[in-house]
Amino acid sequence: MMNSAALSELLSSSVPFPAAVWLTLLGIYLANESTRRGLHPLDWFNLPPSMNLIVAVFVGDAGDLIRAIGVLAWRRDGGSGEFSPFVTACFLVSGALVVMSMLCKIRAWTLPDHGHAPWLLTLAGGVLLVAILWGTRYGT
């Protein structure tokens, strides 16, 4: 029977290829939809809610792809000890993209009916949580 670490590594190793295909197809869709709607580059700062949601999915899935690459690199380096600068960068960029994606999803979903409050309150709650965790870990 295969151990859970080997199975996890196998599954993690399979993520980058379909994720790259998915992001390519999603990028093509967004470009085509932008053309169909006659959007100009500056219009991307004020997209319709449906397109905002797709952009949020794209950003989050890009973060997942970068995280999978970081995990693969970490496992290739032996999977123990300190992260290399590359792996650290992958995890930091991935984390930032995933958080931005969540905020963008909340914004796209709630903006038409509830305004900016839901995503801004979520952002504030996230910042507060990070500050509390930082203080308990690194505070004096």
Protein backbone atom coordinates (compact mmCIF):
# COMPACT_ATOMS: atom_id res chain seq x y z
CA MET A 1 0.00 0.00 0.00
CA MET A 2 1.24 3.50 -0.87
CA ASN A 3 2.02 5.77 2.07
CA SER A 4 0.19 9.06 2.45
CA ALA A 5 3.33 11.18 1.87
CA ALA A 6 3.98 9.49 -1.48
CA LEU A 7 0.33 9.84 -2.50
CA SER A 8 0.33 13.50 -1.51
CA GLU A 9 3.51 14.10 -3.50
CA LEU A 10 2.04 12.35 -6.53
CA LEU A 11 -1.13 14.41 -6.40
CA SER A 12 0.81 17.64 -5.87
CA SER A 13 3.02 16.78 -8.82
CA SER A 14 -0.02 16.46 -11.06
CA VAL A 15 -1.36 19.96 -10.33
CA PRO A 16 0.82 22.27 -12.48
CA PHE A 17 -0.05 20.92 -15.92
CA PRO A 18 -3.87 21.00 -15.72
CA ALA A 19 -3.66 24.28 -13.78
CA ALA A 20 -1.59 25.86 -16.57
CA VAL A 21 -4.04 24.58 -19.20
CA TRP A 22 -6.99 25.90 -17.16
CA LEU A 23 -5.38 29.33 -16.71
CA THR A 24 -4.60 29.51 -20.42
CA LEU A 25 -8.20 28.69 -21.33
CA LEU A 26 -9.53 31.13 -18.74
CA GLY A 27 -7.21 33.85 -20.08
CA ILE A 28 -8.45 33.21 -23.61
CA TYR A 29 -12.04 33.37 -22.38
CA LEU A 30 -11.41 36.69 -20.62
CA ALA A 31 -9.71 38.15 -23.69
CA ASN A 32 -12.57 37.01 -25.95
CA GLU A 33 -15.23 38.27 -23.54
CA SER A 34 -13.45 41.60 -23.28
CA THR A 35 -13.46 41.89 -27.07
CA ARG A 36 -17.13 40.86 -27.30
CA ARG A 37 -18.08 43.51 -24.75
CA GLY A 38 -15.89 46.14 -26.42
CA LEU A 39 -13.89 46.75 -23.25
CA HIS A 40 -10.78 48.91 -23.32
CA PRO A 41 -7.79 48.35 -20.97
CA LEU A 42 -8.98 50.98 -18.48
CA ASP A 43 -12.39 49.27 -18.31
CA TRP A 44 -10.71 46.40 -16.46
CA PHE A 45 -10.82 48.57 -13.32
CA ASN A 46 -14.64 48.54 -13.47
CA LEU A 47 -15.72 45.19 -14.91
CA PRO A 48 -19.23 43.75 -14.83
CA PRO A 49 -19.74 41.47 -11.77
CA SER A 50 -19.61 38.27 -13.83
CA MET A 51 -16.23 39.18 -15.28
CA ASN A 52 -14.98 40.31 -11.85
CA LEU A 53 -15.79 36.86 -10.54
CA ILE A 54 -13.91 35.14 -13.38
CA VAL A 55 -10.87 37.39 -12.83
CA ALA A 56 -11.00 36.48 -9.12
CA VAL A 57 -11.06 32.77 -10.00
CA PHE A 58 -8.12 33.30 -12.38
CA VAL A 59 -6.07 35.08 -9.69
CA GLY A 60 -6.82 32.44 -7.06
CA ASP A 61 -6.04 29.56 -9.39
CA ALA A 62 -2.79 31.27 -10.41
CA GLY A 63 -1.93 31.40 -6.70
CA ASP A 64 -2.69 27.69 -6.39
CA LEU A 65 -0.44 26.94 -9.37
CA ILE A 66 2.42 28.94 -7.85
CA ARG A 67 1.94 27.16 -4.51
CA ALA A 68 2.04 23.76 -6.28
CA ILE A 69 5.29 24.77 -7.98
CA GLY A 70 6.68 25.81 -4.58
CA VAL A 71 5.71 22.47 -3.04
CA LEU A 72 7.32 20.60 -5.94
CA ALA A 73 10.51 22.61 -5.59
CA TRP A 74 10.55 22.07 -1.82
CA ARG A 75 10.06 18.31 -2.25
CA ARG A 76 12.77 18.23 -4.91
CA ASP A 77 15.11 19.92 -2.40
CA GLY A 78 14.43 17.13 0.09
CA GLY A 79 11.23 18.37 1.71
CA SER A 80 12.71 19.23 5.06
CA GLY A 81 14.49 22.06 6.77
CA GLU A 82 14.38 25.68 5.70
CA PHE A 83 12.68 26.77 2.50
CA SER A 84 14.93 28.00 -0.29
CA PRO A 85 14.48 31.63 -1.38
CA PHE A 86 12.60 30.38 -4.46
CA VAL A 87 10.17 28.28 -2.40
CA THR A 88 9.69 31.13 0.07
CA ALA A 89 8.90 33.51 -2.80
CA CYS A 90 6.44 30.98 -4.28
CA PHE A 91 4.61 30.66 -0.97
CA LEU A 92 4.53 34.42 -0.33
CA VAL A 93 3.26 35.27 -3.83
CA SER A 94 0.79 32.39 -3.72
CA GLY A 95 -0.58 33.46 -0.36
CA ALA A 96 -1.00 37.05 -1.51
CA LEU A 97 -2.78 35.96 -4.71
CA VAL A 98 -5.14 33.61 -2.87
CA VAL A 99 -6.07 36.30 -0.32
CA MET A 100 -6.61 38.86 -3.10
CA SER A 101 -8.73 36.32 -4.95
CA MET A 102 -10.95 35.73 -1.93
CA LEU A 103 -11.44 39.46 -1.46
CA CYS A 104 -12.22 39.87 -5.17
CA LYS A 105 -14.74 37.00 -5.04
CA ILE A 106 -16.50 38.57 -2.07
CA ARG A 107 -16.47 41.94 -3.84
CA ALA A 108 -17.81 40.54 -7.13
CA TRP A 109 -20.54 38.60 -5.39
CA THR A 110 -21.73 41.30 -2.96
CA LEU A 111 -20.96 44.66 -4.61
CA PRO A 112 -24.19 44.98 -6.64
CA ASP A 113 -26.45 44.42 -3.61
CA HIS A 114 -24.36 45.35 -0.58
CA GLY A 115 -21.72 47.81 -1.76
CA HIS A 116 -18.10 47.73 -0.63
CA ALA A 117 -18.70 46.92 3.05
CA PRO A 118 -18.46 43.07 2.87
CA TRP A 119 -15.07 42.88 1.21
CA LEU A 120 -13.65 45.83 3.15
CA LEU A 121 -14.79 44.30 6.47
CA THR A 122 -13.25 40.99 5.41
CA LEU A 123 -9.99 42.78 4.58
CA ALA A 124 -10.04 44.56 7.94
CA GLY A 125 -10.73 41.28 9.75
CA GLY A 126 -7.87 39.60 7.92
CA VAL A 127 -5.45 42.40 8.74
CA LEU A 128 -6.54 42.28 12.39
CA LEU A 129 -6.04 38.51 12.51
CA VAL A 130 -2.55 38.82 11.01
CA ALA A 131 -1.69 41.55 13.52
CA ILE A 132 -2.88 39.39 16.43
CA LEU A 133 -1.00 36.33 15.16
CA TRP A 134 2.11 38.42 14.50
CA GLY A 135 1.91 39.91 17.98
CA THR A 136 1.54 36.54 19.68
CA ARG A 137 4.42 35.09 17.67
CA TYR A 138 6.86 38.01 17.52
CA GLY A 139 5.55 40.46 20.13
CA THR A 140 7.54 41.40 23.18
